[in-house]
Amino acid sequence: MESLILLGSGGWIPTRERETCCAYTRDGKRALLIDAGTGVRRLIERPDLLDGLEGLDILLTHFHLDHVAGLSYLPALPLRPVVWGPGETLYGAPTRSILERLVGPPFFGATIEDVASGVRELPIGTTEVAWLEVSTRAQRLHTHPTLALRLGDWLTYCTDTAADPGNVEFAAGGRVLVHEAWYAESSTDDRTHAAAGEAARIARQAGVERLVLIHVNPLGGPDEELARVARAEFPATSVGRDMAEVRVRMSDLRP
């Protein structure tokens, strides 16, 4: 059984209902986070998620504050993770040097060396991270480039992007697509964020089994409206909620 827990399913501003983006998966003594938004705090509230861990890796899709603010919470964890980022890949600067602008004086009392056991570059293509084969794709339709991530054949994670046709092929053959939905509309002319209907069309065209909407706009309307618009295109859609668990039974994998 593969499982993803959404520690933070919102974007930009944390609210009473949603922290900003962070997702957790685990296999035995290793765990992995996608992004390090304010949802990292859920690990403080739920220490059982870290019980028995010997390794933790964090994959950053990009460096906007709502996706990296949780790095400042890392001293509260019982182990120091390895942080992977797309600095060289997307911005032509080492991930370590980018993170040192945020984690370190005068903005923070600890340095990146204090909170992480290592900082590594996340390239375009396929990389082994912990027990997982992680594939990446550059998304250029945002205020700054971001990475789409794919974990094996069970999960594709696309946030902070306008509707990107290249993500159809990237997600094809996978089980679950986790995709941002900033607008409860069928489409949008915003070239930095996606609408729920656009995420649903990508899911349908990619042939995935399920779509989970994330990076929910804190100033937007009710989740029911996001779901209604997306389900008109792709019925197997749910709106991500904090601490919701997305499970995939690997024995059910298509041949």
Protein backbone atom coordinates (compact mmCIF):
# COMPACT_ATOMS: atom_id res chain seq x y z
CA MET A 1 0.00 0.00 0.00
CA GLU A 2 1.36 3.40 -1.01
CA SER A 3 0.03 6.32 0.99
CA LEU A 4 0.32 10.10 0.87
CA ILE A 5 -0.83 12.28 3.77
CA LEU A 6 -1.54 15.92 2.96
CA LEU A 7 0.01 17.83 5.85
CA GLY A 8 -0.84 21.09 4.10
CA SER A 9 -3.27 21.40 1.19
CA GLY A 10 -3.50 25.18 0.83
CA GLY A 11 -1.56 27.87 -0.90
CA TRP A 12 -0.17 31.29 0.03
CA ILE A 13 -1.77 31.89 3.46
CA PRO A 14 -2.36 29.26 6.16
CA THR A 15 -5.90 29.24 7.54
CA ARG A 16 -7.77 27.48 10.35
CA GLU A 17 -8.55 24.67 7.90
CA ARG A 18 -5.44 24.47 5.77
CA GLU A 19 -1.71 24.83 6.19
CA THR A 20 0.36 25.59 3.09
CA CYS A 21 1.70 22.82 0.90
CA CYS A 22 3.42 19.81 2.42
CA ALA A 23 2.78 16.12 1.80
CA TYR A 24 4.17 13.04 3.58
CA THR A 25 4.83 9.47 2.54
CA ARG A 26 6.68 6.72 4.35
CA ASP A 27 8.10 3.25 3.83
CA GLY A 28 9.31 1.62 7.01
CA LYS A 29 12.16 3.62 8.50
CA ARG A 30 12.34 6.22 5.70
CA ALA A 31 9.95 9.09 5.05
CA LEU A 32 9.71 11.79 2.42
CA LEU A 33 8.07 15.20 2.34
CA ILE A 34 7.02 17.05 -0.78
CA ASP A 35 7.53 20.75 -0.08
CA ALA A 36 7.99 22.34 3.32
CA GLY A 37 5.15 24.77 3.76
CA THR A 38 3.54 25.52 7.10
CA GLY A 39 2.12 21.98 6.97
CA VAL A 40 5.45 20.80 8.43
CA ARG A 41 4.00 21.76 11.80
CA ARG A 42 1.67 18.76 11.55
CA LEU A 43 4.70 16.59 12.26
CA ILE A 44 5.06 18.36 15.60
CA GLU A 45 1.40 17.68 16.41
CA ARG A 46 1.66 14.08 15.21
CA PRO A 47 5.02 12.75 16.42
CA ASP A 48 3.80 9.22 15.67
CA LEU A 49 4.42 9.99 12.00
CA LEU A 50 8.13 10.16 12.80
CA ASP A 51 8.34 7.26 15.26
CA GLY A 52 11.12 4.88 14.33
CA LEU A 53 12.37 6.94 11.43
CA GLU A 54 16.03 6.69 10.47
CA GLY A 55 15.87 9.02 7.48
CA LEU A 56 13.79 11.91 6.17
CA ASP A 57 14.08 13.59 2.77
CA ILE A 58 12.38 16.81 1.66
CA LEU A 59 11.74 17.53 -2.02
CA LEU A 60 11.14 21.20 -2.81
CA THR A 61 9.18 22.03 -5.95
CA HIS A 62 10.41 25.66 -5.76
CA PHE A 63 11.36 28.30 -3.21
CA HIS A 64 8.29 30.50 -2.73
CA LEU A 65 7.76 31.18 0.95
CA ASP A 66 4.53 29.23 1.27
CA HIS A 67 6.49 26.13 0.21
CA VAL A 68 9.62 26.61 2.34
CA ALA A 69 8.45 28.40 5.51
CA GLY A 70 8.35 25.06 7.32
CA LEU A 71 12.11 24.68 7.01
CA SER A 72 12.31 26.98 10.01
CA TYR A 73 10.36 24.38 12.02
CA LEU A 74 12.90 21.61 11.42
CA PRO A 75 14.80 22.08 14.71
CA ALA A 76 11.67 20.74 16.45
CA LEU A 77 11.97 17.38 14.67
CA PRO A 78 13.87 14.42 16.19
CA LEU A 79 16.12 14.03 13.13
CA ARG A 80 17.73 16.26 10.55
CA PRO A 81 16.48 15.69 7.01
CA VAL A 82 18.19 15.86 3.64
CA VAL A 83 16.73 18.73 1.62
CA TRP A 84 16.56 18.44 -2.17
CA GLY A 85 15.90 21.53 -4.29
CA PRO A 86 15.86 22.73 -7.92
CA GLY A 87 18.26 25.64 -7.48
CA GLU A 88 20.73 24.72 -10.20
CA THR A 89 18.05 23.17 -12.38
CA LEU A 90 15.58 26.04 -12.46
CA TYR A 91 17.46 29.14 -11.29
CA GLY A 92 21.13 28.57 -12.07
CA ALA A 93 22.14 28.94 -8.42
CA PRO A 94 22.93 26.25 -5.83
CA THR A 95 19.99 25.22 -3.69
CA ARG A 96 22.16 25.68 -0.60
CA SER A 97 22.92 29.31 -1.43
CA ILE A 98 19.25 30.04 -2.05
CA LEU A 99 18.17 28.47 1.24
CA GLU A 100 20.91 30.28 3.14
CA ARG A 101 19.11 33.54 2.34
CA LEU A 102 16.14 32.30 4.38
CA VAL A 103 17.53 29.89 6.98
CA GLY A 104 20.24 31.84 8.74
CA PRO A 105 20.95 35.30 10.14
CA PRO A 106 19.37 37.81 10.20
CA PHE A 107 16.10 36.01 9.44
CA PHE A 108 16.59 32.87 11.53
CA GLY A 109 18.79 31.88 14.44
CA ALA A 110 19.95 28.55 12.99
CA THR A 111 21.81 27.92 9.76
CA ILE A 112 20.87 25.46 7.05
CA GLU A 113 23.64 23.18 8.37
CA ASP A 114 21.94 23.22 11.77
CA VAL A 115 18.56 22.12 10.47
CA ALA A 116 19.48 19.75 7.60
CA SER A 117 21.96 16.90 7.38
CA GLY A 118 22.55 17.71 3.73
CA VAL A 119 21.36 19.82 0.79
CA ARG A 120 21.26 18.21 -2.64
CA GLU A 121 20.27 19.27 -6.13
CA LEU A 122 17.14 17.85 -7.72
CA PRO A 123 17.78 17.56 -11.47
CA ILE A 124 15.40 17.16 -14.37
CA GLY A 125 14.89 13.49 -15.09
CA THR A 126 14.85 10.54 -12.70
CA THR A 127 16.67 10.36 -9.37
CA GLU A 128 16.70 7.78 -6.59
CA VAL A 129 15.60 9.42 -3.34
CA ALA A 130 15.35 7.15 -0.31
CA TRP A 131 13.36 4.10 -1.52
CA LEU A 132 11.66 5.98 -4.37
CA GLU A 133 12.30 6.65 -8.03
CA VAL A 134 11.52 10.35 -8.36
CA SER A 135 10.99 11.91 -11.78
CA THR A 136 10.87 15.66 -12.34
CA ARG A 137 9.69 18.04 -15.04
CA ALA A 138 10.18 21.80 -15.29
CA GLN A 139 6.94 23.81 -15.19
CA ARG A 140 7.49 27.24 -16.76
CA LEU A 141 3.96 28.59 -16.33
CA HIS A 142 4.32 30.32 -12.97
CA THR A 143 5.82 33.55 -11.67
CA HIS A 144 9.02 31.54 -11.25
CA PRO A 145 9.66 28.03 -12.63
CA THR A 146 8.59 25.06 -10.51
CA LEU A 147 9.03 21.30 -10.63
CA ALA A 148 6.38 18.70 -11.27
CA LEU A 149 7.19 15.50 -9.37
CA ARG A 150 6.33 11.89 -10.02
CA LEU A 151 6.87 9.12 -7.48
CA GLY A 152 7.13 5.87 -9.38
CA ASP A 153 3.87 4.98 -11.12
CA TRP A 154 1.53 5.83 -8.29
CA LEU A 155 1.68 9.60 -7.77
CA THR A 156 2.18 12.74 -9.85
CA TYR A 157 2.32 16.07 -7.97
CA CYS A 158 1.87 19.34 -9.88
CA THR A 159 1.52 22.58 -7.95
CA ASP A 160 2.12 26.27 -8.64
CA THR A 161 1.55 26.10 -12.35
CA ALA A 162 -0.96 27.21 -14.91
CA ALA A 163 -2.50 24.43 -16.99
CA ASP A 164 0.54 22.84 -18.62
CA PRO A 165 -0.07 20.42 -21.52
CA GLY A 166 3.30 18.78 -20.84
CA ASN A 167 1.95 17.44 -17.56
CA VAL A 168 -0.46 15.18 -19.45
CA GLU A 169 2.36 13.02 -20.75
CA PHE A 170 4.25 13.34 -17.47
CA ALA A 171 1.31 11.95 -15.48
CA ALA A 172 0.26 9.33 -18.05
CA GLY A 173 0.27 5.80 -16.72
CA GLY A 174 0.21 6.96 -13.11
CA ARG A 175 -2.50 6.21 -10.59
CA VAL A 176 -3.13 9.49 -8.79
CA LEU A 177 -2.68 13.09 -9.91
CA VAL A 178 -2.37 15.70 -7.18
CA HIS A 179 -2.78 19.05 -8.92
CA GLU A 180 -3.27 22.64 -7.90
CA ALA A 181 -6.67 24.28 -8.40
CA TRP A 182 -6.54 27.98 -7.58
CA TYR A 183 -9.82 28.89 -9.29
CA ALA A 184 -13.24 27.23 -9.09
CA GLU A 185 -13.66 27.74 -12.82
CA SER A 186 -13.59 25.62 -15.95
CA SER A 187 -10.64 27.66 -17.25
CA THR A 188 -8.67 30.82 -16.56
CA ASP A 189 -6.46 33.21 -18.48
CA ASP A 190 -4.10 33.42 -15.49
CA ARG A 191 -0.74 32.21 -16.75
CA THR A 192 0.56 31.38 -13.27
CA HIS A 193 -2.18 29.24 -11.68
CA ALA A 194 -4.65 26.60 -12.81
CA ALA A 195 -8.42 26.35 -12.61
CA ALA A 196 -10.18 23.26 -11.28
CA GLY A 197 -11.57 22.40 -14.71
CA GLU A 198 -8.12 22.60 -16.26
CA ALA A 199 -6.66 20.24 -13.64
CA ALA A 200 -9.51 17.84 -14.34
CA ARG A 201 -8.89 17.88 -18.09
CA ILE A 202 -5.22 17.08 -17.50
CA ALA A 203 -6.29 14.15 -15.28
CA ARG A 204 -8.72 12.87 -17.93
CA GLN A 205 -6.23 13.20 -20.78
CA ALA A 206 -3.48 11.53 -18.74
CA GLY A 207 -5.75 8.59 -17.96
CA VAL A 208 -5.14 8.62 -14.21
CA GLU A 209 -7.54 6.97 -11.81
CA ARG A 210 -7.98 9.78 -9.32
CA LEU A 211 -7.46 13.53 -9.05
CA VAL A 212 -6.84 15.35 -5.77
CA LEU A 213 -6.98 19.15 -5.84
CA ILE A 214 -4.48 21.06 -3.71
CA HIS A 215 -2.92 24.52 -3.31
CA VAL A 216 -6.43 25.72 -2.59
CA ASN A 217 -6.87 29.50 -2.68
CA PRO A 218 -7.44 30.79 0.89
CA LEU A 219 -9.49 33.67 -0.57
CA GLY A 220 -11.56 31.41 -2.80
CA GLY A 221 -14.99 29.91 -2.37
CA PRO A 222 -16.14 26.64 -0.80
CA ASP A 223 -14.52 23.32 -1.62
CA GLU A 224 -17.83 22.10 -3.02
CA GLU A 225 -17.54 24.54 -5.89
CA LEU A 226 -14.02 23.39 -6.75
CA ALA A 227 -15.22 19.80 -6.72
CA ARG A 228 -18.33 20.53 -8.80
CA VAL A 229 -16.38 22.22 -11.57
CA ALA A 230 -13.68 19.54 -11.69
CA ARG A 231 -16.10 16.60 -11.58
CA ALA A 232 -17.88 17.91 -14.65
CA GLU A 233 -14.67 17.00 -16.51
CA PHE A 234 -13.33 14.16 -14.35
CA PRO A 235 -15.75 12.55 -11.88
CA ALA A 236 -13.06 10.83 -9.77
CA THR A 237 -12.02 14.12 -8.16
CA SER A 238 -11.68 15.08 -4.52
CA VAL A 239 -10.53 18.29 -2.88
CA GLY A 240 -7.52 17.77 -0.66
CA ARG A 241 -7.90 18.44 3.05
CA ASP A 242 -5.20 18.63 5.67
CA MET A 243 -4.39 15.21 7.15
CA ALA A 244 -6.39 13.45 4.44
CA GLU A 245 -4.71 10.24 3.32
CA VAL A 246 -4.48 9.19 -0.32
CA ARG A 247 -3.98 5.43 -0.56
CA VAL A 248 -3.06 3.26 -3.53
CA ARG A 249 -3.13 -0.52 -3.27
CA MET A 250 -0.12 -1.62 -5.27
CA SER A 251 -1.60 -5.07 -5.95
CA ASP A 252 -4.22 -3.26 -8.02
CA LEU A 253 -1.67 -1.81 -10.40
CA ARG A 254 -2.65 -2.14 -14.03
CA PRO A 255 -0.45 -4.56 -16.03
